[in-house]
C-alpha atoms as a PDB file:
ATOM      1  CA  MET A   1      30.285 141.937 177.822  1.00  0.00           C
ATOM      2  CA  THR A   2      30.847 141.066 174.260  1.00  0.00           C
ATOM      3  CA  ASP A   3      34.184 139.616 173.447  1.00  0.00           C
ATOM      4  CA  THR A   4      35.782 141.882 170.708  1.00  0.00           C
ATOM      5  CA  LYS A   5      39.212 140.263 170.514  1.00  0.00           C
ATOM      6  CA  PRO A   6      40.215 139.263 167.152  1.00  0.00           C
ATOM      7  CA  PRO A   7      40.328 135.494 166.291  1.00  0.00           C
ATOM      8  CA  THR A   8      43.372 133.583 167.036  1.00  0.00           C
ATOM      9  CA  ALA A   9      45.914 133.632 164.298  1.00  0.00           C
ATOM     10  CA  PRO A  10      47.104 130.293 162.725  1.00  0.00           C
ATOM     11  CA  ALA A  11      50.031 128.829 164.611  1.00  0.00           C
ATOM     12  CA  PHE A  12      53.293 129.406 162.597  1.00  0.00           C
ATOM     13  CA  THR A  13      56.980 128.697 163.489  1.00  0.00           C
ATOM     14  CA  PHE A  14      59.564 130.546 161.472  1.00  0.00           C
ATOM     15  CA  ALA A  15      63.314 129.532 161.719  1.00  0.00           C
ATOM     16  CA  GLY A  16      62.530 127.888 164.960  1.00  0.00           C
ATOM     17  CA  VAL A  17      60.869 130.813 166.511  1.00  0.00           C
ATOM     18  CA  PRO A  18      57.063 130.384 167.399  1.00  0.00           C
ATOM     19  CA  LEU A  19      54.878 133.223 166.022  1.00  0.00           C
ATOM     20  CA  ASP A  20      52.485 132.820 168.802  1.00  0.00           C
ATOM     21  CA  ARG A  21      52.780 136.668 169.119  1.00  0.00           C
ATOM     22  CA  PRO A  22      54.265 139.402 167.033  1.00  0.00           C
ATOM     23  CA  ARG A  23      57.970 139.079 166.612  1.00  0.00           C
ATOM     24  CA  ILE A  24      60.645 141.662 165.907  1.00  0.00           C
ATOM     25  CA  MET A  25      63.390 141.424 163.163  1.00  0.00           C
ATOM     26  CA  GLY A  26      66.151 144.009 163.696  1.00  0.00           C
ATOM     27  CA  ILE A  27      67.659 145.683 160.689  1.00  0.00           C
ATOM     28  CA  LEU A  28      71.349 145.503 160.448  1.00  0.00           C
ATOM     29  CA  ASN A  29      72.452 147.147 157.282  1.00  0.00           C
ATOM     30  CA  VAL A  30      76.314 146.768 156.562  1.00  0.00           C
ATOM     31  CA  THR A  31      76.164 149.232 153.727  1.00  0.00           C
ATOM     32  CA  PRO A  32      77.480 152.816 153.162  1.00  0.00           C
ATOM     33  CA  ASP A  33      74.217 153.974 151.327  1.00  0.00           C
ATOM     34  CA  SER A  34      71.212 152.506 152.871  1.00  0.00           C
ATOM     35  CA  PHE A  35      68.475 155.239 153.038  1.00  0.00           C
ATOM     36  CA  SER A  36      68.300 155.432 156.775  1.00  0.00           C
ATOM     37  CA  ASP A  37      71.376 153.923 158.389  1.00  0.00           C
ATOM     38  CA  GLY A  38      73.987 153.854 155.643  1.00  0.00           C
ATOM     39  CA  GLY A  39      77.556 153.888 157.178  1.00  0.00           C
ATOM     40  CA  ASP A  40      76.407 153.514 160.757  1.00  0.00           C
ATOM     41  CA  LEU A  41      78.059 150.156 161.036  1.00  0.00           C
ATOM     42  CA  PRO A  42      81.579 150.578 159.263  1.00  0.00           C
ATOM     43  CA  THR A  43      83.134 147.151 160.475  1.00  0.00           C
ATOM     44  CA  ALA A  44      81.929 143.528 161.008  1.00  0.00           C
ATOM     45  CA  ARG A  45      82.582 144.085 164.772  1.00  0.00           C
ATOM     46  CA  ALA A  46      80.363 147.062 165.013  1.00  0.00           C
ATOM     47  CA  ALA A  47      77.545 145.297 163.218  1.00  0.00           C
ATOM     48  CA  VAL A  48      78.025 142.140 165.446  1.00  0.00           C
ATOM     49  CA  ASP A  49      78.003 144.249 168.690  1.00  0.00           C
ATOM     50  CA  ARG A  50      74.923 146.183 167.377  1.00  0.00           C
ATOM     51  CA  GLY A  51      73.154 143.021 166.474  1.00  0.00           C
ATOM     52  CA  LEU A  52      73.682 141.541 169.826  1.00  0.00           C
ATOM     53  CA  ALA A  53      72.426 144.652 171.545  1.00  0.00           C
ATOM     54  CA  MET A  54      69.369 144.359 169.479  1.00  0.00           C
ATOM     55  CA  VAL A  55      68.798 140.851 170.731  1.00  0.00           C
ATOM     56  CA  GLU A  56      69.099 142.322 174.267  1.00  0.00           C
ATOM     57  CA  ASP A  57      66.531 144.844 173.328  1.00  0.00           C
ATOM     58  CA  GLY A  58      64.060 142.255 172.217  1.00  0.00           C
ATOM     59  CA  ALA A  59      64.836 141.286 168.526  1.00  0.00           C
ATOM     60  CA  ASP A  60      63.734 137.678 167.797  1.00  0.00           C
ATOM     61  CA  PHE A  61      65.601 137.819 164.355  1.00  0.00           C
ATOM     62  CA  LEU A  62      68.443 139.842 162.919  1.00  0.00           C
ATOM     63  CA  ASP A  63      68.430 140.782 159.129  1.00  0.00           C
ATOM     64  CA  VAL A  64      71.828 141.419 157.734  1.00  0.00           C
ATOM     65  CA  GLY A  65      72.140 143.311 154.524  1.00  0.00           C
ATOM     66  CA  GLY A  66      75.022 144.227 152.318  1.00  0.00           C
ATOM     67  CA  GLU A  67      73.239 145.691 149.448  1.00  0.00           C
ATOM     68  CA  SER A  68      71.080 148.821 149.661  1.00  0.00           C
ATOM     69  CA  THR A  69      67.606 148.427 147.764  1.00  0.00           C
ATOM     70  CA  ARG A  70      66.405 151.937 148.440  1.00  0.00           C
ATOM     71  CA  PRO A  71      64.715 153.739 145.494  1.00  0.00           C
ATOM     72  CA  GLY A  72      67.452 154.818 142.935  1.00  0.00           C
ATOM     73  CA  SER A  73      70.174 152.390 144.376  1.00  0.00           C
ATOM     74  CA  GLN A  74      72.728 150.735 142.193  1.00  0.00           C
ATOM     75  CA  PRO A  75      73.420 146.894 142.372  1.00  0.00           C
ATOM     76  CA  VAL A  76      76.495 145.869 144.520  1.00  0.00           C
ATOM     77  CA  ALA A  77      79.031 143.378 143.151  1.00  0.00           C
ATOM     78  CA  VAL A  78      78.544 139.873 144.788  1.00  0.00           C
ATOM     79  CA  ASP A  79      82.021 139.766 145.829  1.00  0.00           C
ATOM     80  CA  GLU A  80      81.676 142.923 147.794  1.00  0.00           C
ATOM     81  CA  GLU A  81      78.389 142.027 149.251  1.00  0.00           C
ATOM     82  CA  LEU A  82      79.961 138.604 150.455  1.00  0.00           C
ATOM     83  CA  ARG A  83      82.711 140.793 151.980  1.00  0.00           C
ATOM     84  CA  ARG A  84      80.300 142.845 153.898  1.00  0.00           C
ATOM     85  CA  VAL A  85      77.870 140.186 155.070  1.00  0.00           C
ATOM     86  CA  VAL A  86      79.456 136.741 155.660  1.00  0.00           C
ATOM     87  CA  PRO A  87      81.651 137.857 158.786  1.00  0.00           C
ATOM     88  CA  VAL A  88      78.734 139.605 160.428  1.00  0.00           C
ATOM     89  CA  VAL A  89      76.443 136.524 159.796  1.00  0.00           C
ATOM     90  CA  GLU A  90      79.173 134.202 161.198  1.00  0.00           C
ATOM     91  CA  GLY A  91      79.758 136.406 164.320  1.00  0.00           C
ATOM     92  CA  LEU A  92      75.974 136.727 165.257  1.00  0.00           C
ATOM     93  CA  ALA A  93      75.185 133.069 164.494  1.00  0.00           C
ATOM     94  CA  ALA A  94      78.078 131.988 166.724  1.00  0.00           C
ATOM     95  CA  ALA A  95      76.635 134.079 169.503  1.00  0.00           C
ATOM     96  CA  GLY A  96      73.229 132.286 169.150  1.00  0.00           C
ATOM     97  CA  ALA A  97      71.171 134.844 167.318  1.00  0.00           C
ATOM     98  CA  VAL A  98      68.617 133.881 164.753  1.00  0.00           C
ATOM     99  CA  VAL A  99      70.203 135.521 161.570  1.00  0.00           C
ATOM    100  CA  SER A 100      68.461 136.417 158.390  1.00  0.00           C
ATOM    101  CA  VAL A 101      70.366 137.594 155.183  1.00  0.00           C
ATOM    102  CA  ASP A 102      68.787 140.346 153.105  1.00  0.00           C
ATOM    103  CA  THR A 103      69.981 139.406 149.584  1.00  0.00           C
ATOM    104  CA  ARG A 104      68.903 138.887 146.057  1.00  0.00           C
ATOM    105  CA  ASN A 105      71.907 136.822 144.979  1.00  0.00           C
ATOM    106  CA  ALA A 106      72.243 133.024 145.020  1.00  0.00           C
ATOM    107  CA  PRO A 107      75.948 133.008 145.934  1.00  0.00           C
ATOM    108  CA  VAL A 108      75.252 135.234 148.894  1.00  0.00           C
ATOM    109  CA  MET A 109      72.351 133.047 150.049  1.00  0.00           C
ATOM    110  CA  ARG A 110      74.473 129.933 149.855  1.00  0.00           C
ATOM    111  CA  ALA A 111      77.593 131.592 151.751  1.00  0.00           C
ATOM    112  CA  ALA A 112      75.377 133.279 154.479  1.00  0.00           C
ATOM    113  CA  VAL A 113      73.385 130.081 155.249  1.00  0.00           C
ATOM    114  CA  ALA A 114      76.756 128.115 155.333  1.00  0.00           C
ATOM    115  CA  ALA A 115      77.866 130.957 157.771  1.00  0.00           C
ATOM    116  CA  GLY A 116      74.884 130.299 160.126  1.00  0.00           C
ATOM    117  CA  ALA A 117      72.017 132.342 158.651  1.00  0.00           C
ATOM    118  CA  ARG A 118      68.526 130.550 159.106  1.00  0.00           C
ATOM    119  CA  ILE A 119      66.507 132.851 156.903  1.00  0.00           C
ATOM    120  CA  VAL A 120      66.906 134.310 153.465  1.00  0.00           C
ATOM    121  CA  ASN A 121      65.079 137.724 152.784  1.00  0.00           C
ATOM    122  CA  ASP A 122      64.838 138.427 149.068  1.00  0.00           C
ATOM    123  CA  VAL A 123      63.141 141.600 148.022  1.00  0.00           C
ATOM    124  CA  SER A 124      62.775 140.293 144.548  1.00  0.00           C
ATOM    125  CA  ALA A 125      60.954 136.984 145.744  1.00  0.00           C
ATOM    126  CA  LEU A 126      63.765 134.903 144.040  1.00  0.00           C
ATOM    127  CA  THR A 127      63.297 136.688 140.606  1.00  0.00           C
ATOM    128  CA  HIS A 128      66.308 138.758 140.417  1.00  0.00           C
ATOM    129  CA  ASP A 129      68.983 135.992 140.206  1.00  0.00           C
ATOM    130  CA  PRO A 130      67.922 132.977 137.830  1.00  0.00           C
ATOM    131  CA  ALA A 131      69.909 130.529 140.235  1.00  0.00           C
ATOM    132  CA  ALA A 132      68.093 131.645 143.269  1.00  0.00           C
ATOM    133  CA  LEU A 133      65.118 129.388 143.381  1.00  0.00           C
ATOM    134  CA  GLU A 134      67.173 126.246 142.800  1.00  0.00           C
ATOM    135  CA  ALA A 135      69.651 127.541 145.398  1.00  0.00           C
ATOM    136  CA  MET A 136      66.859 127.958 148.012  1.00  0.00           C
ATOM    137  CA  ALA A 137      65.369 124.648 147.204  1.00  0.00           C
ATOM    138  CA  ALA A 138      68.778 123.010 148.170  1.00  0.00           C
ATOM    139  CA  LEU A 139      69.298 125.121 151.320  1.00  0.00           C
ATOM    140  CA  ASP A 140      67.937 124.269 154.762  1.00  0.00           C
ATOM    141  CA  ALA A 141      66.756 127.774 155.428  1.00  0.00           C
ATOM    142  CA  HIS A 142      63.450 129.768 155.677  1.00  0.00           C
ATOM    143  CA  LEU A 143      62.583 132.395 153.250  1.00  0.00           C
ATOM    144  CA  VAL A 144      60.861 135.786 153.026  1.00  0.00           C
ATOM    145  CA  LEU A 145      59.302 136.545 149.557  1.00  0.00           C
ATOM    146  CA  MET A 146      58.682 140.296 149.051  1.00  0.00           C
ATOM    147  CA  HIS A 147      56.700 142.041 146.492  1.00  0.00           C
ATOM    148  CA  MET A 148      58.549 144.769 144.350  1.00  0.00           C
ATOM    149  CA  LYS A 149      57.235 146.427 141.218  1.00  0.00           C
ATOM    150  CA  GLY A 150      60.201 146.728 139.007  1.00  0.00           C
ATOM    151  CA  ASP A 151      63.818 147.253 140.102  1.00  0.00           C
ATOM    152  CA  PRO A 152      65.324 149.374 142.893  1.00  0.00           C
ATOM    153  CA  ARG A 153      66.744 151.765 140.267  1.00  0.00           C
ATOM    154  CA  THR A 154      63.367 152.544 138.665  1.00  0.00           C
ATOM    155  CA  MET A 155      60.590 151.201 140.997  1.00  0.00           C
ATOM    156  CA  GLN A 156      59.383 154.596 142.067  1.00  0.00           C
ATOM    157  CA  GLN A 157      58.851 156.109 138.698  1.00  0.00           C
ATOM    158  CA  ALA A 158      55.201 156.384 138.499  1.00  0.00           C
ATOM    159  CA  PRO A 159      54.095 152.878 139.708  1.00  0.00           C
ATOM    160  CA  VAL A 160      50.536 151.826 138.668  1.00  0.00           C
ATOM    161  CA  TYR A 161      48.300 148.858 139.790  1.00  0.00           C
ATOM    162  CA  ALA A 162      44.783 147.963 138.589  1.00  0.00           C
ATOM    163  CA  ASP A 163      44.085 147.014 142.303  1.00  0.00           C
ATOM    164  CA  VAL A 164      47.083 147.148 144.591  1.00  0.00           C
ATOM    165  CA  VAL A 165      45.930 144.865 147.114  1.00  0.00           C
ATOM    166  CA  ALA A 166      44.662 142.115 144.669  1.00  0.00           C
ATOM    167  CA  ASP A 167      47.840 142.672 142.377  1.00  0.00           C
ATOM    168  CA  VAL A 168      50.221 142.259 145.418  1.00  0.00           C
ATOM    169  CA  LYS A 169      48.269 139.231 146.904  1.00  0.00           C
ATOM    170  CA  ALA A 170      48.291 137.560 143.252  1.00  0.00           C
ATOM    171  CA  TYR A 171      51.858 138.068 142.725  1.00  0.00           C
ATOM    172  CA  LEU A 172      52.842 136.659 146.250  1.00  0.00           C
ATOM    173  CA  ALA A 173      50.624 133.620 145.625  1.00  0.00           C
ATOM    174  CA  GLY A 174      52.450 132.989 142.440  1.00  0.00           C
ATOM    175  CA  ARG A 175      55.755 133.218 144.092  1.00  0.00           C
ATOM    176  CA  VAL A 176      54.785 130.915 146.860  1.00  0.00           C
ATOM    177  CA  ALA A 177      53.457 128.425 144.318  1.00  0.00           C
ATOM    178  CA  ALA A 178      56.719 128.597 142.382  1.00  0.00           C
ATOM    179  CA  CYS A 179      58.789 127.842 145.648  1.00  0.00           C
ATOM    180  CA  VAL A 180      56.500 124.941 146.554  1.00  0.00           C
ATOM    181  CA  GLY A 181      56.852 123.618 143.009  1.00  0.00           C
ATOM    182  CA  ALA A 182      60.579 123.785 143.309  1.00  0.00           C
ATOM    183  CA  GLY A 183      60.563 121.838 146.507  1.00  0.00           C
ATOM    184  CA  ILE A 184      60.548 124.494 149.404  1.00  0.00           C
ATOM    185  CA  PRO A 185      58.001 123.580 151.845  1.00  0.00           C
ATOM    186  CA  ARG A 186      55.267 126.282 152.300  1.00  0.00           C
ATOM    187  CA  ASP A 187      55.873 126.136 156.033  1.00  0.00           C
ATOM    188  CA  ARG A 188      59.406 127.741 155.463  1.00  0.00           C
ATOM    189  CA  VAL A 189      57.947 130.719 153.467  1.00  0.00           C
ATOM    190  CA  ALA A 190      56.888 134.083 154.730  1.00  0.00           C
ATOM    191  CA  VAL A 191      55.406 136.849 152.716  1.00  0.00           C
ATOM    192  CA  ASP A 192      56.103 140.701 152.698  1.00  0.00           C
ATOM    193  CA  PRO A 193      53.920 143.338 150.630  1.00  0.00           C
ATOM    194  CA  GLY A 194      56.941 145.419 150.025  1.00  0.00           C
ATOM    195  CA  ILE A 195      55.917 148.687 151.540  1.00  0.00           C
ATOM    196  CA  GLY A 196      57.651 151.465 149.717  1.00  0.00           C
ATOM    197  CA  PHE A 197      59.036 149.181 146.776  1.00  0.00           C
ATOM    198  CA  GLY A 198      57.305 150.353 143.789  1.00  0.00           C
ATOM    199  CA  LYS A 199      54.357 151.977 145.583  1.00  0.00           C
ATOM    200  CA  THR A 200      52.968 155.478 145.910  1.00  0.00           C
ATOM    201  CA  VAL A 201      51.830 156.727 149.325  1.00  0.00           C
ATOM    202  CA  ASP A 202      48.255 155.787 148.456  1.00  0.00           C
ATOM    203  CA  HIS A 203      49.366 152.412 147.442  1.00  0.00           C
ATOM    204  CA  ASN A 204      51.236 151.923 150.795  1.00  0.00           C
ATOM    205  CA  LEU A 205      48.369 153.077 152.797  1.00  0.00           C
ATOM    206  CA  THR A 206      45.821 150.878 151.067  1.00  0.00           C
ATOM    207  CA  LEU A 207      48.048 147.795 151.553  1.00  0.00           C
ATOM    208  CA  LEU A 208      48.293 148.614 155.263  1.00  0.00           C
ATOM    209  CA  ARG A 209      44.631 149.135 155.546  1.00  0.00           C
ATOM    210  CA  HIS A 210      43.926 145.760 153.843  1.00  0.00           C
ATOM    211  CA  LEU A 211      46.972 143.786 155.091  1.00  0.00           C
ATOM    212  CA  ASP A 212      44.677 140.919 156.362  1.00  0.00           C
ATOM    213  CA  ALA A 213      44.044 139.994 152.638  1.00  0.00           C
ATOM    214  CA  LEU A 214      47.484 138.411 152.707  1.00  0.00           C
ATOM    215  CA  GLY A 215      46.305 135.968 155.465  1.00  0.00           C
ATOM    216  CA  GLY A 216      44.726 133.703 152.716  1.00  0.00           C
ATOM    217  CA  LEU A 217      48.169 132.855 151.435  1.00  0.00           C
ATOM    218  CA  GLY A 218      48.799 130.435 154.279  1.00  0.00           C
ATOM    219  CA  CYS A 219      52.027 132.053 155.248  1.00  0.00           C
ATOM    220  CA  PRO A 220      53.166 134.405 157.971  1.00  0.00           C
ATOM    221  CA  VAL A 221      53.113 138.149 157.056  1.00  0.00           C
ATOM    222  CA  LEU A 222      56.361 140.105 157.607  1.00  0.00           C
ATOM    223  CA  LEU A 223      55.787 143.910 157.400  1.00  0.00           C
ATOM    224  CA  GLY A 224      58.548 146.523 157.026  1.00  0.00           C
ATOM    225  CA  VAL A 225      57.364 150.057 157.572  1.00  0.00           C
ATOM    226  CA  SER A 226      60.343 151.366 159.701  1.00  0.00           C
ATOM    227  CA  ARG A 227      61.176 154.828 158.836  1.00  0.00           C
ATOM    228  CA  LYS A 228      59.778 154.549 155.253  1.00  0.00           C
ATOM    229  CA  SER A 229      59.387 157.750 153.312  1.00  0.00           C
ATOM    230  CA  PHE A 230      55.512 157.555 153.177  1.00  0.00           C
ATOM    231  CA  ILE A 231      55.453 158.458 156.944  1.00  0.00           C
ATOM    232  CA  ALA A 232      57.152 161.818 156.129  1.00  0.00           C
ATOM    233  CA  ARG A 233      54.817 162.359 153.264  1.00  0.00           C
ATOM    234  CA  VAL A 234      51.726 161.772 155.234  1.00  0.00           C
ATOM    235  CA  ASP A 235      53.117 164.091 158.014  1.00  0.00           C
ATOM    236  CA  ARG A 236      56.035 166.358 157.377  1.00  0.00           C
ATOM    237  CA  ASP A 237      58.941 165.711 155.259  1.00  0.00           C
ATOM    238  CA  GLY A 238      61.134 164.960 158.063  1.00  0.00           C
ATOM    239  CA  PRO A 239      64.547 162.852 158.067  1.00  0.00           C
ATOM    240  CA  ALA A 240      64.533 159.100 158.324  1.00  0.00           C
ATOM    241  CA  LYS A 241      65.655 158.870 161.755  1.00  0.00           C
ATOM    242  CA  GLY A 242      62.898 161.382 162.825  1.00  0.00           C
ATOM    243  CA  ARG A 243      59.948 158.880 161.932  1.00  0.00           C
ATOM    244  CA  LEU A 244      59.881 156.710 164.841  1.00  0.00           C
ATOM    245  CA  ALA A 245      56.315 157.604 166.023  1.00  0.00           C
ATOM    246  CA  GLY A 246      54.827 157.062 162.550  1.00  0.00           C
ATOM    247  CA  SER A 247      56.699 153.744 162.231  1.00  0.00           C
ATOM    248  CA  LEU A 248      55.134 152.458 165.457  1.00  0.00           C
ATOM    249  CA  VAL A 249      51.781 153.445 164.540  1.00  0.00           C
ATOM    250  CA  ALA A 250      52.110 151.869 161.086  1.00  0.00           C
ATOM    251  CA  ALA A 251      53.581 148.737 162.726  1.00  0.00           C
ATOM    252  CA  LEU A 252      50.771 148.379 165.240  1.00  0.00           C
ATOM    253  CA  ALA A 253      48.066 148.797 162.502  1.00  0.00           C
ATOM    254  CA  GLY A 254      49.852 146.080 160.757  1.00  0.00           C
ATOM    255  CA  VAL A 255      49.857 143.726 163.603  1.00  0.00           C
ATOM    256  CA  ARG A 256      46.111 144.365 164.167  1.00  0.00           C
ATOM    257  CA  ARG A 257      45.661 143.102 160.592  1.00  0.00           C
ATOM    258  CA  GLY A 258      47.691 140.125 160.894  1.00  0.00           C
ATOM    259  CA  ALA A 259      51.382 141.004 160.644  1.00  0.00           C
ATOM    260  CA  LEU A 260      53.474 138.392 162.630  1.00  0.00           C
ATOM    261  CA  ILE A 261      56.888 139.733 162.053  1.00  0.00           C
ATOM    262  CA  LEU A 262      57.944 143.476 162.073  1.00  0.00           C
ATOM    263  CA  ARG A 263      61.177 144.416 160.414  1.00  0.00           C
ATOM    264  CA  VAL A 264      62.552 147.394 162.255  1.00  0.00           C
ATOM    265  CA  HIS A 265      65.380 149.845 163.090  1.00  0.00           C
ATOM    266  CA  ASP A 266      64.291 150.621 166.522  1.00  0.00           C
ATOM    267  CA  VAL A 267      63.817 147.260 168.401  1.00  0.00           C
ATOM    268  CA  ALA A 268      63.460 148.555 171.993  1.00  0.00           C
ATOM    269  CA  GLU A 269      60.789 151.126 171.090  1.00  0.00           C
ATOM    270  CA  THR A 270      58.862 148.482 168.976  1.00  0.00           C
ATOM    271  CA  ARG A 271      59.145 145.910 171.764  1.00  0.00           C
ATOM    272  CA  GLN A 272      57.516 148.368 174.262  1.00  0.00           C
ATOM    273  CA  ALA A 273      54.885 149.357 171.736  1.00  0.00           C
ATOM    274  CA  LEU A 274      53.870 145.787 171.310  1.00  0.00           C
ATOM    275  CA  SER A 275      54.007 145.075 175.031  1.00  0.00           C
ATOM    276  CA  ILE A 276      51.465 147.904 175.701  1.00  0.00           C
ATOM    277  CA  HIS A 277      49.392 147.024 172.832  1.00  0.00           C
ATOM    278  CA  ALA A 278      49.144 143.491 173.962  1.00  0.00           C
ATOM    279  CA  ALA A 279      48.343 144.575 177.591  1.00  0.00           C
ATOM    280  CA  ILE A 280      45.494 146.785 176.476  1.00  0.00           C
ATOM    281  CA  GLU A 281      44.050 144.421 174.022  1.00  0.00           C
ATOM    282  CA  GLY A 282      44.273 141.476 176.627  1.00  0.00           C
END
């Protein structure tokens, strides 16, 4: 019988977690206005409890965000973002969780890492805040660089690419090079194609179809497809919390094309899907 298993992926470790298999990053939005779960976690205690439950369900990382970057969202004042994020990071880190902070702002990066975050997840790939690149070079933390075309307020207003796969790959390659040039080790960097961030449905599907193109960047690939609107547009225009099946299918398609970290709302369901997928694939 011919062995049809895909080749073994390069060995990466991210924030102390070996990426010897696909890992799960649970989403903790401490915001009133995120597209799917805004307002679900009104207090720091509720967020910490939810995060620890995600760890029990199988999350390897927890991504804490205090500013919504959904299409059309408005920026949040840094002081308010700090108020939302820092107590949650402190509580989760104290309990032993591997915490990521989802922020575009250097002061929040510094404060969250001081509070125990091991990862900074920046949807702007360190371009929003002019101080962010220098801040990250000085911090002992890992980093996720995401592709986004434009700004959350305007990114979905008719985005255009010459070749979405080549354009996203070139952008991320440039941002990785900028980080390395600033003194951030490449082995601390992951990349994210930014599904839904300045992309049409066709752009998103094309990126997922050719996600393995990002493997040449020499960094682990993080993929966030959970509850994204393209799922509803492909199938039916259902609510965000009704997109679990589509989220799981898209996530597994990403894993088959090299994604090593899945950023998700539904941790237990994603863990089960990954377990069954691995058992079938051997």
